[in-house]
């Protein structure tokens, strides 16, 4: 994942891609891998190859260095962001179509939280 524009636009592209790609195929692929591979083999595959989490961690590190994000634990933020993106629409617990504004809301919540005011 390369930051080709402002952080918000890069995150938007990631969410759009994730919601398009996440579905029955991706879920079945991981289920099959867990069923047919030993835990050690699966760990080796995931640890030796770039993962979305590691790519996002790098993106967030660059955003912190550029002053677009405050210093945070990028490992946790990457996991949270992917979980949020994968839960949109039909992949969530309550299946529904992604509505206009859903992706922008997700990114806004990631970048600004949900508090009405911030007391810092």
C-alpha atoms as a PDB file:
ATOM      1  CA  UNK A   1       0.000   0.000   0.000  1.00  0.00           C
ATOM      2  CA  UNK A   2       1.633   3.203  -1.136  1.00  0.00           C
ATOM      3  CA  UNK A   3       0.450   6.553   0.100  1.00  0.00           C
ATOM      4  CA  UNK A   4      -0.336   8.174  -3.247  1.00  0.00           C
ATOM      5  CA  UNK A   5      -2.220  11.097  -1.789  1.00  0.00           C
ATOM      6  CA  UNK A   6      -3.459  12.388   1.496  1.00  0.00           C
ATOM      7  CA  UNK A   7      -3.969   9.736   4.150  1.00  0.00           C
ATOM      8  CA  UNK A   8      -7.772  10.021   3.936  1.00  0.00           C
ATOM      9  CA  UNK A   9      -7.782   9.223   0.189  1.00  0.00           C
ATOM     10  CA  UNK A  10      -5.384   6.316   0.616  1.00  0.00           C
ATOM     11  CA  UNK A  11      -7.581   4.854   3.371  1.00  0.00           C
ATOM     12  CA  UNK A  12     -10.671   5.344   1.186  1.00  0.00           C
ATOM     13  CA  UNK A  13      -9.041   3.301  -1.585  1.00  0.00           C
ATOM     14  CA  UNK A  14      -8.117   0.550   0.851  1.00  0.00           C
ATOM     15  CA  UNK A  15     -11.668   0.334   2.225  1.00  0.00           C
ATOM     16  CA  UNK A  16     -13.182   0.285  -1.268  1.00  0.00           C
ATOM     17  CA  UNK A  17     -10.805  -2.479  -2.334  1.00  0.00           C
ATOM     18  CA  UNK A  18     -11.334  -4.462   0.881  1.00  0.00           C
ATOM     19  CA  UNK A  19     -15.116  -4.341   0.697  1.00  0.00           C
ATOM     20  CA  UNK A  20     -15.011  -5.444  -2.947  1.00  0.00           C
ATOM     21  CA  UNK A  21     -12.553  -8.278  -2.346  1.00  0.00           C
ATOM     22  CA  UNK A  22     -13.854  -9.523   0.988  1.00  0.00           C
ATOM     23  CA  UNK A  23     -16.542 -11.995   0.456  1.00  0.00           C
ATOM     24  CA  UNK A  24     -17.197 -15.644   0.185  1.00  0.00           C
ATOM     25  CA  UNK A  25     -13.991 -16.380  -1.776  1.00  0.00           C
ATOM     26  CA  UNK A  26     -11.614 -14.747   0.725  1.00  0.00           C
ATOM     27  CA  UNK A  27     -13.401 -16.273   3.689  1.00  0.00           C
ATOM     28  CA  UNK A  28     -13.398 -19.721   2.114  1.00  0.00           C
ATOM     29  CA  UNK A  29      -9.715 -19.404   1.186  1.00  0.00           C
ATOM     30  CA  UNK A  30      -8.708 -18.750   4.805  1.00  0.00           C
ATOM     31  CA  UNK A  31     -11.026 -21.485   6.080  1.00  0.00           C
ATOM     32  CA  UNK A  32      -9.457 -23.939   3.618  1.00  0.00           C
ATOM     33  CA  UNK A  33      -5.942 -22.857   4.597  1.00  0.00           C
ATOM     34  CA  UNK A  34      -6.727 -23.348   8.286  1.00  0.00           C
ATOM     35  CA  UNK A  35      -8.304 -26.737   7.576  1.00  0.00           C
ATOM     36  CA  UNK A  36      -5.589 -28.118   5.273  1.00  0.00           C
ATOM     37  CA  UNK A  37      -2.408 -26.566   6.651  1.00  0.00           C
ATOM     38  CA  UNK A  38      -0.723 -27.110   9.951  1.00  0.00           C
ATOM     39  CA  UNK A  39      -0.676 -24.062  12.233  1.00  0.00           C
ATOM     40  CA  UNK A  40       3.086 -23.884  11.671  1.00  0.00           C
ATOM     41  CA  UNK A  41       2.742 -23.861   7.865  1.00  0.00           C
ATOM     42  CA  UNK A  42       0.030 -21.222   7.980  1.00  0.00           C
ATOM     43  CA  UNK A  43       2.123 -19.078  10.340  1.00  0.00           C
ATOM     44  CA  UNK A  44       5.154 -19.450   8.053  1.00  0.00           C
ATOM     45  CA  UNK A  45       3.153 -18.364   4.992  1.00  0.00           C
ATOM     46  CA  UNK A  46       1.671 -15.368   6.779  1.00  0.00           C
ATOM     47  CA  UNK A  47       4.928 -14.311   8.438  1.00  0.00           C
ATOM     48  CA  UNK A  48       7.138 -14.631   5.366  1.00  0.00           C
ATOM     49  CA  UNK A  49       4.934 -12.727   2.950  1.00  0.00           C
ATOM     50  CA  UNK A  50       3.671  -9.173   3.045  1.00  0.00           C
ATOM     51  CA  UNK A  51       0.288  -8.956   4.672  1.00  0.00           C
ATOM     52  CA  UNK A  52      -2.281  -6.165   4.573  1.00  0.00           C
ATOM     53  CA  UNK A  53      -1.538  -5.549   8.249  1.00  0.00           C
ATOM     54  CA  UNK A  54       2.177  -4.993   7.631  1.00  0.00           C
ATOM     55  CA  UNK A  55       1.511  -2.777   4.630  1.00  0.00           C
ATOM     56  CA  UNK A  56      -0.920  -0.701   6.691  1.00  0.00           C
ATOM     57  CA  UNK A  57       1.580  -0.461   9.538  1.00  0.00           C
ATOM     58  CA  UNK A  58       4.089   0.998   7.079  1.00  0.00           C
ATOM     59  CA  UNK A  59       1.455   3.407   5.748  1.00  0.00           C
ATOM     60  CA  UNK A  60       0.623   4.564   9.265  1.00  0.00           C
ATOM     61  CA  UNK A  61       4.320   4.947  10.164  1.00  0.00           C
ATOM     62  CA  UNK A  62       4.776   7.170   7.113  1.00  0.00           C
ATOM     63  CA  UNK A  63       1.666   9.170   8.069  1.00  0.00           C
ATOM     64  CA  UNK A  64       3.044   9.675  11.587  1.00  0.00           C
ATOM     65  CA  UNK A  65       6.400  10.795  10.171  1.00  0.00           C
ATOM     66  CA  UNK A  66       4.595  13.215   7.830  1.00  0.00           C
ATOM     67  CA  UNK A  67       2.528  14.656  10.688  1.00  0.00           C
ATOM     68  CA  UNK A  68      -0.784  13.328   9.327  1.00  0.00           C
ATOM     69  CA  UNK A  69      -1.307  11.102  12.389  1.00  0.00           C
ATOM     70  CA  UNK A  70      -0.335  11.398  16.006  1.00  0.00           C
ATOM     71  CA  UNK A  71       2.060   8.724  17.294  1.00  0.00           C
ATOM     72  CA  UNK A  72       0.046   5.581  18.035  1.00  0.00           C
ATOM     73  CA  UNK A  73       0.615   1.834  18.133  1.00  0.00           C
ATOM     74  CA  UNK A  74       0.495   1.150  14.385  1.00  0.00           C
ATOM     75  CA  UNK A  75       0.089  -2.605  14.876  1.00  0.00           C
ATOM     76  CA  UNK A  76      -3.158  -2.124  16.789  1.00  0.00           C
ATOM     77  CA  UNK A  77      -4.453   0.628  14.488  1.00  0.00           C
ATOM     78  CA  UNK A  78      -3.821  -1.523  11.396  1.00  0.00           C
ATOM     79  CA  UNK A  79      -5.806  -4.406  12.914  1.00  0.00           C
ATOM     80  CA  UNK A  80      -8.617  -2.077  13.964  1.00  0.00           C
ATOM     81  CA  UNK A  81      -8.789  -0.434  10.541  1.00  0.00           C
ATOM     82  CA  UNK A  82      -8.968  -3.778   8.711  1.00  0.00           C
ATOM     83  CA  UNK A  83     -11.631  -5.059  11.097  1.00  0.00           C
ATOM     84  CA  UNK A  84     -13.689  -1.922  10.499  1.00  0.00           C
ATOM     85  CA  UNK A  85     -13.274  -2.172   6.721  1.00  0.00           C
ATOM     86  CA  UNK A  86     -14.137  -5.875   6.600  1.00  0.00           C
ATOM     87  CA  UNK A  87     -17.247  -5.372   8.722  1.00  0.00           C
ATOM     88  CA  UNK A  88     -18.859  -2.932   6.294  1.00  0.00           C
ATOM     89  CA  UNK A  89     -21.843  -4.058   4.303  1.00  0.00           C
ATOM     90  CA  UNK A  90     -22.558  -7.665   3.579  1.00  0.00           C
ATOM     91  CA  UNK A  91     -19.652  -8.989   5.634  1.00  0.00           C
ATOM     92  CA  UNK A  92     -20.999  -7.560   8.877  1.00  0.00           C
ATOM     93  CA  UNK A  93     -23.158  -9.291  11.470  1.00  0.00           C
ATOM     94  CA  UNK A  94     -26.238  -7.588  10.020  1.00  0.00           C
ATOM     95  CA  UNK A  95     -25.878  -7.990   6.248  1.00  0.00           C
ATOM     96  CA  UNK A  96     -26.757  -4.892   4.252  1.00  0.00           C
ATOM     97  CA  UNK A  97     -25.517  -3.081   1.184  1.00  0.00           C
ATOM     98  CA  UNK A  98     -22.897  -0.399   1.714  1.00  0.00           C
ATOM     99  CA  UNK A  99     -24.636   2.959   1.643  1.00  0.00           C
ATOM    100  CA  UNK A 100     -23.308   6.248   0.291  1.00  0.00           C
ATOM    101  CA  UNK A 101     -21.237   7.837   3.014  1.00  0.00           C
ATOM    102  CA  UNK A 102     -20.411   4.592   4.866  1.00  0.00           C
ATOM    103  CA  UNK A 103     -16.758   4.589   3.773  1.00  0.00           C
ATOM    104  CA  UNK A 104     -16.325   8.278   4.581  1.00  0.00           C
ATOM    105  CA  UNK A 105     -17.882   7.672   8.011  1.00  0.00           C
ATOM    106  CA  UNK A 106     -15.498   4.781   8.697  1.00  0.00           C
ATOM    107  CA  UNK A 107     -12.475   6.890   7.765  1.00  0.00           C
ATOM    108  CA  UNK A 108     -13.747   9.883   9.730  1.00  0.00           C
ATOM    109  CA  UNK A 109     -14.242   7.726  12.828  1.00  0.00           C
ATOM    110  CA  UNK A 110     -10.752   6.260  12.441  1.00  0.00           C
ATOM    111  CA  UNK A 111      -9.157   9.674  12.035  1.00  0.00           C
ATOM    112  CA  UNK A 112     -11.287  11.698  14.476  1.00  0.00           C
ATOM    113  CA  UNK A 113     -13.179   9.338  16.795  1.00  0.00           C
ATOM    114  CA  UNK A 114     -16.820   9.647  17.760  1.00  0.00           C
ATOM    115  CA  UNK A 115     -16.679  12.159  20.612  1.00  0.00           C
ATOM    116  CA  UNK A 116     -18.696  15.355  20.112  1.00  0.00           C
ATOM    117  CA  UNK A 117     -15.847  17.439  21.527  1.00  0.00           C
ATOM    118  CA  UNK A 118     -12.280  16.641  22.392  1.00  0.00           C
ATOM    119  CA  UNK A 119     -10.907  17.719  25.740  1.00  0.00           C
ATOM    120  CA  UNK A 120      -7.142  17.602  25.457  1.00  0.00           C
END
